[in-house]
Amino acid sequence: MSTQLEALRRQRSVRPFLSSRGDERSPVVFASGKGGSGTSTLAALLAVGAAGEGLRVLLVDGSAGIGSLHLYLGTEAGRGWAALKEGASPEELLVAVAERLTLLPSGEATAASAVSAAERQALFRRLAPLFPAYDLVVVDGGSRVESVMAACAAGASRLVAVTTPDRVPLAATYALVKVALARMPDLSVAVLANRGGDGAGESIRAAAARFLDRTVDAVGAIPDDECLRAGINAGMNLQDAATGSPAAAAIIEAGSRFVRGLRAGSAAGETLQLSRRSFP
């Protein structure tokens, strides 16, 4: 295992991405208002890091159409959502990535395999019996609103809305947050800024407070990491490309400023301060 993932294993720091309920067995959904913002990369990095810590992790590719998680992790595309729609059991679709990391890929995208928004929500409900077998469930919800809402409706503990600092992704991700909170008022929402832009998450948080009268966490910013992108584009799997990656370190460390009410070594409602040690 790489030095990077060894460091992630030593630090129990995936919890900031959970809701105040601290319920790891309900999904954490990564999504964005605009495609290309990096939800797949960040969801996969969190899943790989958590598995490296010793957690049993289920990573679900909930993207509409063909997803990219199987490419990042070096596995087959699998049968995915279309097979689930045709009656396959969820267990039949799981792909083992590593000892503690399991992927449910989206499968090949064809006209015959198209899954509507209503069907996707029903299929997500069929996945729910899988969740208790894992310590952490991470879903890449993509950027289509109905796919994201279908993933959240499967009992999500938190929606992590990913944005880049550019104006269009900022506006689109704020719109996604607005829709999510309107449809699911009890959903816990956090904003994560990708590719720099420290103020992007804070901008959405402030807008939600002002215009929606809702509290949204800003859980930090992930630095732009050209080496990580270049490695993935060159065909490296994410586990190898993440070695020494600032983005891989930051996805785990980013939430440490905003841990609330977790029941891991602290009383209910007490803030748990996590180590902010640097990663190699």
C-alpha atoms as a PDB file:
ATOM      1  CA  MET A   1       0.000   0.000   0.000  1.00  0.00           C
ATOM      2  CA  SER A   2       1.306   3.476  -0.833  1.00  0.00           C
ATOM      3  CA  THR A   3       2.693   5.876   1.758  1.00  0.00           C
ATOM      4  CA  GLN A   4      -0.269   8.167   1.036  1.00  0.00           C
ATOM      5  CA  LEU A   5      -2.849   5.516   1.829  1.00  0.00           C
ATOM      6  CA  GLU A   6      -0.932   4.368   4.902  1.00  0.00           C
ATOM      7  CA  ALA A   7      -1.214   7.916   6.180  1.00  0.00           C
ATOM      8  CA  LEU A   8      -4.930   7.937   5.463  1.00  0.00           C
ATOM      9  CA  ARG A   9      -5.364   4.675   7.356  1.00  0.00           C
ATOM     10  CA  ARG A  10      -3.728   6.135  10.459  1.00  0.00           C
ATOM     11  CA  GLN A  11      -6.131   9.054  10.579  1.00  0.00           C
ATOM     12  CA  ARG A  12      -9.823   8.400  11.232  1.00  0.00           C
ATOM     13  CA  SER A  13     -10.854  11.509   9.377  1.00  0.00           C
ATOM     14  CA  VAL A  14     -13.656  10.505   7.012  1.00  0.00           C
ATOM     15  CA  ARG A  15     -16.219  11.383   9.672  1.00  0.00           C
ATOM     16  CA  PRO A  16     -16.404  15.111   8.824  1.00  0.00           C
ATOM     17  CA  PHE A  17     -18.269  14.145   5.663  1.00  0.00           C
ATOM     18  CA  LEU A  18     -21.022  12.474   7.675  1.00  0.00           C
ATOM     19  CA  SER A  19     -24.033  14.237   9.095  1.00  0.00           C
ATOM     20  CA  SER A  20     -24.360  15.101  12.763  1.00  0.00           C
ATOM     21  CA  ARG A  21     -26.023  11.709  13.178  1.00  0.00           C
ATOM     22  CA  GLY A  22     -22.623  10.117  12.557  1.00  0.00           C
ATOM     23  CA  ASP A  23     -24.348   7.356  10.580  1.00  0.00           C
ATOM     24  CA  GLU A  24     -21.772   5.792   8.263  1.00  0.00           C
ATOM     25  CA  ARG A  25     -24.194   3.238   6.868  1.00  0.00           C
ATOM     26  CA  SER A  26     -26.395   5.771   5.134  1.00  0.00           C
ATOM     27  CA  PRO A  27     -24.912   7.103   1.905  1.00  0.00           C
ATOM     28  CA  VAL A  28     -22.741  10.180   1.564  1.00  0.00           C
ATOM     29  CA  VAL A  29     -23.646  11.564  -1.869  1.00  0.00           C
ATOM     30  CA  PHE A  30     -21.157  13.600  -3.910  1.00  0.00           C
ATOM     31  CA  ALA A  31     -22.808  15.748  -6.590  1.00  0.00           C
ATOM     32  CA  SER A  32     -22.447  18.982  -8.518  1.00  0.00           C
ATOM     33  CA  GLY A  33     -24.639  21.354 -10.445  1.00  0.00           C
ATOM     34  CA  LYS A  34     -22.336  21.130 -13.440  1.00  0.00           C
ATOM     35  CA  GLY A  35     -20.530  18.213 -15.043  1.00  0.00           C
ATOM     36  CA  GLY A  36     -16.766  18.214 -14.962  1.00  0.00           C
ATOM     37  CA  SER A  37     -16.513  19.576 -11.425  1.00  0.00           C
ATOM     38  CA  GLY A  38     -14.778  16.453 -10.129  1.00  0.00           C
ATOM     39  CA  THR A  39     -17.432  14.600  -8.152  1.00  0.00           C
ATOM     40  CA  SER A  40     -16.266  11.197  -9.409  1.00  0.00           C
ATOM     41  CA  THR A  41     -12.630  11.838  -8.535  1.00  0.00           C
ATOM     42  CA  LEU A  42     -13.405  13.185  -5.080  1.00  0.00           C
ATOM     43  CA  ALA A  43     -15.905  10.435  -4.228  1.00  0.00           C
ATOM     44  CA  ALA A  44     -13.388   7.797  -5.326  1.00  0.00           C
ATOM     45  CA  LEU A  45     -10.550   9.445  -3.380  1.00  0.00           C
ATOM     46  CA  LEU A  46     -12.649   9.458  -0.207  1.00  0.00           C
ATOM     47  CA  ALA A  47     -13.615   5.815  -0.727  1.00  0.00           C
ATOM     48  CA  VAL A  48     -10.029   4.712  -1.386  1.00  0.00           C
ATOM     49  CA  GLY A  49      -8.771   6.654   1.610  1.00  0.00           C
ATOM     50  CA  ALA A  50     -11.441   5.245   3.916  1.00  0.00           C
ATOM     51  CA  ALA A  51     -10.703   1.705   2.783  1.00  0.00           C
ATOM     52  CA  GLY A  52      -7.042   2.392   3.444  1.00  0.00           C
ATOM     53  CA  GLU A  53      -7.992   3.322   7.005  1.00  0.00           C
ATOM     54  CA  GLY A  54      -9.508  -0.117   7.449  1.00  0.00           C
ATOM     55  CA  LEU A  55     -13.174   0.714   6.840  1.00  0.00           C
ATOM     56  CA  ARG A  56     -15.347  -1.516   4.681  1.00  0.00           C
ATOM     57  CA  VAL A  57     -16.475   0.837   1.907  1.00  0.00           C
ATOM     58  CA  LEU A  58     -19.140   0.567  -0.776  1.00  0.00           C
ATOM     59  CA  LEU A  59     -18.691   3.037  -3.641  1.00  0.00           C
ATOM     60  CA  VAL A  60     -21.739   3.445  -5.894  1.00  0.00           C
ATOM     61  CA  ASP A  61     -21.584   4.981  -9.359  1.00  0.00           C
ATOM     62  CA  GLY A  62     -24.937   6.725  -9.479  1.00  0.00           C
ATOM     63  CA  SER A  63     -24.152   8.832 -12.534  1.00  0.00           C
ATOM     64  CA  ALA A  64     -26.688   8.936 -15.346  1.00  0.00           C
ATOM     65  CA  GLY A  65     -25.274   7.144 -18.387  1.00  0.00           C
ATOM     66  CA  ILE A  66     -21.918   5.424 -18.232  1.00  0.00           C
ATOM     67  CA  GLY A  67     -19.884   6.468 -15.238  1.00  0.00           C
ATOM     68  CA  SER A  68     -16.135   6.755 -14.833  1.00  0.00           C
ATOM     69  CA  LEU A  69     -15.462   5.136 -11.460  1.00  0.00           C
ATOM     70  CA  HIS A  70     -14.600   1.740 -12.949  1.00  0.00           C
ATOM     71  CA  LEU A  71     -12.015   3.430 -15.170  1.00  0.00           C
ATOM     72  CA  TYR A  72     -10.476   5.291 -12.239  1.00  0.00           C
ATOM     73  CA  LEU A  73     -10.255   2.123 -10.170  1.00  0.00           C
ATOM     74  CA  GLY A  74      -9.097  -0.206 -12.951  1.00  0.00           C
ATOM     75  CA  THR A  75     -12.108  -2.547 -13.018  1.00  0.00           C
ATOM     76  CA  GLU A  76     -14.655  -3.644 -15.617  1.00  0.00           C
ATOM     77  CA  ALA A  77     -17.713  -1.515 -16.368  1.00  0.00           C
ATOM     78  CA  GLY A  78     -19.906  -4.295 -15.003  1.00  0.00           C
ATOM     79  CA  ARG A  79     -23.605  -4.866 -15.617  1.00  0.00           C
ATOM     80  CA  GLY A  80     -24.746  -1.908 -13.562  1.00  0.00           C
ATOM     81  CA  TRP A  81     -28.110  -0.189 -13.409  1.00  0.00           C
ATOM     82  CA  ALA A  82     -29.616  -1.775 -16.501  1.00  0.00           C
ATOM     83  CA  ALA A  83     -29.122  -5.270 -15.053  1.00  0.00           C
ATOM     84  CA  LEU A  84     -30.649  -4.134 -11.768  1.00  0.00           C
ATOM     85  CA  LYS A  85     -33.635  -2.818 -13.714  1.00  0.00           C
ATOM     86  CA  GLU A  86     -33.949  -6.202 -15.452  1.00  0.00           C
ATOM     87  CA  GLY A  87     -34.161  -8.025 -12.138  1.00  0.00           C
ATOM     88  CA  ALA A  88     -30.580  -8.821 -11.132  1.00  0.00           C
ATOM     89  CA  SER A  89     -29.902  -8.695  -7.414  1.00  0.00           C
ATOM     90  CA  PRO A  90     -27.667  -5.882  -6.135  1.00  0.00           C
ATOM     91  CA  GLU A  91     -25.173  -8.450  -4.838  1.00  0.00           C
ATOM     92  CA  GLU A  92     -24.651  -9.782  -8.381  1.00  0.00           C
ATOM     93  CA  LEU A  93     -23.478  -6.388  -9.585  1.00  0.00           C
ATOM     94  CA  LEU A  94     -20.775  -5.724  -7.008  1.00  0.00           C
ATOM     95  CA  VAL A  95     -17.160  -5.571  -8.158  1.00  0.00           C
ATOM     96  CA  ALA A  96     -14.337  -6.097  -5.661  1.00  0.00           C
ATOM     97  CA  VAL A  97     -11.698  -3.379  -6.064  1.00  0.00           C
ATOM     98  CA  ALA A  98      -9.556  -4.126  -3.013  1.00  0.00           C
ATOM     99  CA  GLU A  99      -9.856  -6.053   0.225  1.00  0.00           C
ATOM    100  CA  ARG A 100     -12.123  -3.447   1.828  1.00  0.00           C
ATOM    101  CA  LEU A 101     -13.377  -1.524  -1.200  1.00  0.00           C
ATOM    102  CA  THR A 102     -16.339  -2.646  -3.312  1.00  0.00           C
ATOM    103  CA  LEU A 103     -17.735  -0.848  -6.361  1.00  0.00           C
ATOM    104  CA  LEU A 104     -21.214  -0.925  -7.804  1.00  0.00           C
ATOM    105  CA  PRO A 105     -20.485   0.415 -11.322  1.00  0.00           C
ATOM    106  CA  SER A 106     -23.029   2.154 -13.508  1.00  0.00           C
ATOM    107  CA  GLY A 107     -22.574  -0.312 -16.376  1.00  0.00           C
ATOM    108  CA  GLU A 108     -22.410   0.269 -20.103  1.00  0.00           C
ATOM    109  CA  ALA A 109     -24.666   3.036 -21.404  1.00  0.00           C
ATOM    110  CA  THR A 110     -26.798   2.115 -24.424  1.00  0.00           C
ATOM    111  CA  ALA A 111     -30.250   3.098 -25.632  1.00  0.00           C
ATOM    112  CA  ALA A 112     -31.563  -0.230 -24.375  1.00  0.00           C
ATOM    113  CA  SER A 113     -30.052   0.278 -20.930  1.00  0.00           C
ATOM    114  CA  ALA A 114     -31.472   3.744 -20.288  1.00  0.00           C
ATOM    115  CA  VAL A 115     -32.917   4.168 -16.788  1.00  0.00           C
ATOM    116  CA  SER A 116     -35.428   6.949 -16.131  1.00  0.00           C
ATOM    117  CA  ALA A 117     -35.295   9.199 -13.078  1.00  0.00           C
ATOM    118  CA  ALA A 118     -38.280   7.446 -11.482  1.00  0.00           C
ATOM    119  CA  GLU A 119     -36.751   4.028 -12.147  1.00  0.00           C
ATOM    120  CA  ARG A 120     -33.406   5.148 -10.721  1.00  0.00           C
ATOM    121  CA  GLN A 121     -35.035   6.197  -7.445  1.00  0.00           C
ATOM    122  CA  ALA A 122     -36.722   2.799  -7.128  1.00  0.00           C
ATOM    123  CA  LEU A 123     -33.428   1.059  -7.944  1.00  0.00           C
ATOM    124  CA  PHE A 124     -31.575   3.061  -5.296  1.00  0.00           C
ATOM    125  CA  ARG A 125     -34.115   1.825  -2.749  1.00  0.00           C
ATOM    126  CA  ARG A 126     -33.242  -1.731  -3.777  1.00  0.00           C
ATOM    127  CA  LEU A 127     -29.622  -1.034  -2.868  1.00  0.00           C
ATOM    128  CA  ALA A 128     -30.460  -0.060   0.713  1.00  0.00           C
ATOM    129  CA  PRO A 129     -30.248  -3.631   2.119  1.00  0.00           C
ATOM    130  CA  LEU A 130     -26.564  -3.667   1.102  1.00  0.00           C
ATOM    131  CA  PHE A 131     -25.607  -0.713   3.266  1.00  0.00           C
ATOM    132  CA  PRO A 132     -25.480  -2.353   6.733  1.00  0.00           C
ATOM    133  CA  ALA A 133     -22.668  -4.643   5.544  1.00  0.00           C
ATOM    134  CA  TYR A 134     -20.355  -1.625   5.101  1.00  0.00           C
ATOM    135  CA  ASP A 135     -18.837   0.963   7.400  1.00  0.00           C
ATOM    136  CA  LEU A 136     -19.147   3.717   4.820  1.00  0.00           C
ATOM    137  CA  VAL A 137     -21.257   4.108   1.675  1.00  0.00           C
ATOM    138  CA  VAL A 138     -20.161   6.750  -0.859  1.00  0.00           C
ATOM    139  CA  VAL A 139     -22.277   7.598  -3.905  1.00  0.00           C
ATOM    140  CA  ASP A 140     -21.151   9.551  -6.956  1.00  0.00           C
ATOM    141  CA  GLY A 141     -24.429  11.225  -7.838  1.00  0.00           C
ATOM    142  CA  GLY A 142     -23.126  13.102 -10.879  1.00  0.00           C
ATOM    143  CA  SER A 143     -24.624  16.411 -11.977  1.00  0.00           C
ATOM    144  CA  ARG A 144     -28.140  15.646 -13.178  1.00  0.00           C
ATOM    145  CA  VAL A 145     -30.617  16.859 -10.597  1.00  0.00           C
ATOM    146  CA  GLU A 146     -32.981  13.885 -10.772  1.00  0.00           C
ATOM    147  CA  SER A 147     -30.136  11.375 -10.453  1.00  0.00           C
ATOM    148  CA  VAL A 148     -28.778  13.284  -7.456  1.00  0.00           C
ATOM    149  CA  MET A 149     -32.197  13.437  -5.815  1.00  0.00           C
ATOM    150  CA  ALA A 150     -32.708   9.710  -6.423  1.00  0.00           C
ATOM    151  CA  ALA A 151     -29.444   8.991  -4.630  1.00  0.00           C
ATOM    152  CA  CYS A 152     -30.310  11.288  -1.730  1.00  0.00           C
ATOM    153  CA  ALA A 153     -33.760   9.713  -1.376  1.00  0.00           C
ATOM    154  CA  ALA A 154     -32.078   6.398  -0.497  1.00  0.00           C
ATOM    155  CA  GLY A 155     -31.561   7.638   3.059  1.00  0.00           C
ATOM    156  CA  ALA A 156     -28.464   9.782   2.479  1.00  0.00           C
ATOM    157  CA  SER A 157     -26.788  11.135   5.601  1.00  0.00           C
ATOM    158  CA  ARG A 158     -25.184  14.019   3.733  1.00  0.00           C
ATOM    159  CA  LEU A 159     -25.033  15.649   0.320  1.00  0.00           C
ATOM    160  CA  VAL A 160     -21.561  16.954  -0.510  1.00  0.00           C
ATOM    161  CA  ALA A 161     -22.108  19.566  -3.227  1.00  0.00           C
ATOM    162  CA  VAL A 162     -18.917  19.993  -5.244  1.00  0.00           C
ATOM    163  CA  THR A 163     -18.139  23.219  -7.066  1.00  0.00           C
ATOM    164  CA  THR A 164     -15.213  24.780  -8.855  1.00  0.00           C
ATOM    165  CA  PRO A 165     -14.562  28.510  -8.370  1.00  0.00           C
ATOM    166  CA  ASP A 166     -15.831  29.558 -11.809  1.00  0.00           C
ATOM    167  CA  ARG A 167     -19.077  31.510 -11.998  1.00  0.00           C
ATOM    168  CA  VAL A 168     -21.177  28.954 -13.908  1.00  0.00           C
ATOM    169  CA  PRO A 169     -20.369  25.937 -11.661  1.00  0.00           C
ATOM    170  CA  LEU A 170     -20.913  28.135  -8.593  1.00  0.00           C
ATOM    171  CA  ALA A 171     -24.368  29.183  -9.762  1.00  0.00           C
ATOM    172  CA  ALA A 172     -25.291  25.675 -10.881  1.00  0.00           C
ATOM    173  CA  THR A 173     -24.180  24.092  -7.618  1.00  0.00           C
ATOM    174  CA  TYR A 174     -26.074  26.684  -5.579  1.00  0.00           C
ATOM    175  CA  ALA A 175     -29.155  25.815  -7.655  1.00  0.00           C
ATOM    176  CA  LEU A 176     -28.602  22.126  -6.847  1.00  0.00           C
ATOM    177  CA  VAL A 177     -28.367  22.914  -3.135  1.00  0.00           C
ATOM    178  CA  LYS A 178     -31.570  24.951  -3.381  1.00  0.00           C
ATOM    179  CA  VAL A 179     -33.464  22.108  -5.056  1.00  0.00           C
ATOM    180  CA  ALA A 180     -32.105  19.531  -2.603  1.00  0.00           C
ATOM    181  CA  LEU A 181     -33.152  21.533   0.453  1.00  0.00           C
ATOM    182  CA  ALA A 182     -36.577  22.310  -1.022  1.00  0.00           C
ATOM    183  CA  ARG A 183     -37.298  18.634  -1.686  1.00  0.00           C
ATOM    184  CA  MET A 184     -35.565  17.204   1.384  1.00  0.00           C
ATOM    185  CA  PRO A 185     -35.615  19.776   4.191  1.00  0.00           C
ATOM    186  CA  ASP A 186     -33.912  17.410   6.646  1.00  0.00           C
ATOM    187  CA  LEU A 187     -30.987  16.624   4.354  1.00  0.00           C
ATOM    188  CA  SER A 188     -27.594  17.651   5.699  1.00  0.00           C
ATOM    189  CA  VAL A 189     -25.654  19.566   3.022  1.00  0.00           C
ATOM    190  CA  ALA A 190     -21.972  20.473   2.790  1.00  0.00           C
ATOM    191  CA  VAL A 191     -20.132  22.334   0.048  1.00  0.00           C
ATOM    192  CA  LEU A 192     -16.674  21.313  -1.132  1.00  0.00           C
ATOM    193  CA  ALA A 193     -14.673  23.567  -3.469  1.00  0.00           C
ATOM    194  CA  ASN A 194     -12.549  21.682  -5.980  1.00  0.00           C
ATOM    195  CA  ARG A 195      -9.463  22.923  -7.862  1.00  0.00           C
ATOM    196  CA  GLY A 196      -8.676  25.739  -5.467  1.00  0.00           C
ATOM    197  CA  GLY A 197     -11.064  28.628  -4.947  1.00  0.00           C
ATOM    198  CA  ASP A 198     -11.056  28.750  -1.147  1.00  0.00           C
ATOM    199  CA  GLY A 199     -13.976  31.179  -1.125  1.00  0.00           C
ATOM    200  CA  ALA A 200     -16.273  29.176  -3.423  1.00  0.00           C
ATOM    201  CA  GLY A 201     -17.775  27.020  -0.705  1.00  0.00           C
ATOM    202  CA  GLU A 202     -18.162  29.993   1.588  1.00  0.00           C
ATOM    203  CA  SER A 203     -20.015  31.876  -1.164  1.00  0.00           C
ATOM    204  CA  ILE A 204     -22.605  29.113  -1.465  1.00  0.00           C
ATOM    205  CA  ARG A 205     -22.849  28.772   2.306  1.00  0.00           C
ATOM    206  CA  ALA A 206     -23.507  32.509   2.661  1.00  0.00           C
ATOM    207  CA  ALA A 207     -26.066  32.478  -0.157  1.00  0.00           C
ATOM    208  CA  ALA A 208     -27.924  29.558   1.436  1.00  0.00           C
ATOM    209  CA  ALA A 209     -28.033  31.388   4.766  1.00  0.00           C
ATOM    210  CA  ARG A 210     -29.260  34.618   3.174  1.00  0.00           C
ATOM    211  CA  PHE A 211     -31.719  33.429   0.557  1.00  0.00           C
ATOM    212  CA  LEU A 212     -32.761  29.984   1.797  1.00  0.00           C
ATOM    213  CA  ASP A 213     -32.476  30.609   5.531  1.00  0.00           C
ATOM    214  CA  ARG A 214     -30.619  27.329   5.845  1.00  0.00           C
ATOM    215  CA  THR A 215     -27.283  26.343   7.327  1.00  0.00           C
ATOM    216  CA  VAL A 216     -24.891  24.702   4.889  1.00  0.00           C
ATOM    217  CA  ASP A 217     -21.374  23.667   5.875  1.00  0.00           C
ATOM    218  CA  ALA A 218     -18.382  24.739   3.804  1.00  0.00           C
ATOM    219  CA  VAL A 219     -15.951  21.857   4.326  1.00  0.00           C
ATOM    220  CA  GLY A 220     -12.926  23.342   2.650  1.00  0.00           C
ATOM    221  CA  ALA A 221     -11.174  23.426  -0.694  1.00  0.00           C
ATOM    222  CA  ILE A 222      -9.283  20.815  -2.682  1.00  0.00           C
ATOM    223  CA  PRO A 223      -6.156  22.166  -4.399  1.00  0.00           C
ATOM    224  CA  ASP A 224      -5.760  21.962  -8.145  1.00  0.00           C
ATOM    225  CA  ASP A 225      -3.657  18.873  -8.755  1.00  0.00           C
ATOM    226  CA  GLU A 226      -2.324  18.610 -12.291  1.00  0.00           C
ATOM    227  CA  CYS A 227      -0.223  15.542 -11.477  1.00  0.00           C
ATOM    228  CA  LEU A 228      -3.284  13.618 -10.291  1.00  0.00           C
ATOM    229  CA  ARG A 229      -5.217  14.512 -13.445  1.00  0.00           C
ATOM    230  CA  ALA A 230      -2.262  13.668 -15.654  1.00  0.00           C
ATOM    231  CA  GLY A 231      -1.850  10.281 -13.995  1.00  0.00           C
ATOM    232  CA  ILE A 232      -5.520   9.413 -14.449  1.00  0.00           C
ATOM    233  CA  ASN A 233      -5.501  10.657 -18.057  1.00  0.00           C
ATOM    234  CA  ALA A 234      -2.455   8.484 -18.707  1.00  0.00           C
ATOM    235  CA  GLY A 235      -4.380   5.401 -17.612  1.00  0.00           C
ATOM    236  CA  MET A 236      -3.108   5.027 -14.048  1.00  0.00           C
ATOM    237  CA  ASN A 237      -5.661   3.779 -11.571  1.00  0.00           C
ATOM    238  CA  LEU A 238      -6.634   6.203  -8.845  1.00  0.00           C
ATOM    239  CA  GLN A 239      -4.914   4.248  -6.094  1.00  0.00           C
ATOM    240  CA  ASP A 240      -1.538   4.732  -7.782  1.00  0.00           C
ATOM    241  CA  ALA A 241      -2.162   8.256  -9.089  1.00  0.00           C
ATOM    242  CA  ALA A 242      -3.123   9.414  -5.572  1.00  0.00           C
ATOM    243  CA  THR A 243       0.285   8.631  -4.102  1.00  0.00           C
ATOM    244  CA  GLY A 244       1.656  11.887  -2.724  1.00  0.00           C
ATOM    245  CA  SER A 245      -1.301  13.821  -4.159  1.00  0.00           C
ATOM    246  CA  PRO A 246      -2.259  17.063  -2.358  1.00  0.00           C
ATOM    247  CA  ALA A 247      -5.842  16.566  -3.550  1.00  0.00           C
ATOM    248  CA  ALA A 248      -5.987  13.066  -2.061  1.00  0.00           C
ATOM    249  CA  ALA A 249      -4.732  14.397   1.270  1.00  0.00           C
ATOM    250  CA  ALA A 250      -7.081  17.381   1.220  1.00  0.00           C
ATOM    251  CA  ILE A 251     -10.267  15.402   0.541  1.00  0.00           C
ATOM    252  CA  ILE A 252      -9.755  13.601   3.844  1.00  0.00           C
ATOM    253  CA  GLU A 253      -8.468  16.573   5.808  1.00  0.00           C
ATOM    254  CA  ALA A 254     -10.847  19.231   4.513  1.00  0.00           C
ATOM    255  CA  GLY A 255     -13.736  18.469   6.840  1.00  0.00           C
ATOM    256  CA  SER A 256     -11.759  18.576  10.084  1.00  0.00           C
ATOM    257  CA  ARG A 257     -12.765  22.196  10.736  1.00  0.00           C
ATOM    258  CA  PHE A 258     -16.445  21.392  10.687  1.00  0.00           C
ATOM    259  CA  VAL A 259     -16.998  18.212  12.697  1.00  0.00           C
ATOM    260  CA  ARG A 260     -20.224  18.474  14.689  1.00  0.00           C
ATOM    261  CA  GLY A 261     -21.881  16.270  17.247  1.00  0.00           C
ATOM    262  CA  LEU A 262     -20.128  13.033  16.335  1.00  0.00           C
ATOM    263  CA  ARG A 263     -20.170  10.250  18.907  1.00  0.00           C
ATOM    264  CA  ALA A 264     -16.600   9.082  18.392  1.00  0.00           C
ATOM    265  CA  GLY A 265     -14.674   9.774  21.563  1.00  0.00           C
ATOM    266  CA  SER A 266     -16.783  12.790  22.516  1.00  0.00           C
ATOM    267  CA  ALA A 267     -20.084  13.512  24.189  1.00  0.00           C
ATOM    268  CA  ALA A 268     -23.129  14.114  22.022  1.00  0.00           C
ATOM    269  CA  GLY A 269     -23.099  17.639  20.656  1.00  0.00           C
ATOM    270  CA  GLU A 270     -19.445  18.216  21.528  1.00  0.00           C
ATOM    271  CA  THR A 271     -17.100  19.180  18.710  1.00  0.00           C
ATOM    272  CA  LEU A 272     -14.481  16.550  18.005  1.00  0.00           C
ATOM    273  CA  GLN A 273     -11.163  18.071  17.031  1.00  0.00           C
ATOM    274  CA  LEU A 274      -9.267  15.904  14.555  1.00  0.00           C
ATOM    275  CA  SER A 275      -5.577  15.947  13.856  1.00  0.00           C
ATOM    276  CA  ARG A 276      -4.528  18.291  11.064  1.00  0.00           C
ATOM    277  CA  ARG A 277      -1.131  16.689  10.538  1.00  0.00           C
ATOM    278  CA  SER A 278       0.348  17.041   7.099  1.00  0.00           C
ATOM    279  CA  PHE A 279       0.439  14.173   4.638  1.00  0.00           C
ATOM    280  CA  PRO A 280       3.540  13.032   2.783  1.00  0.00           C
END
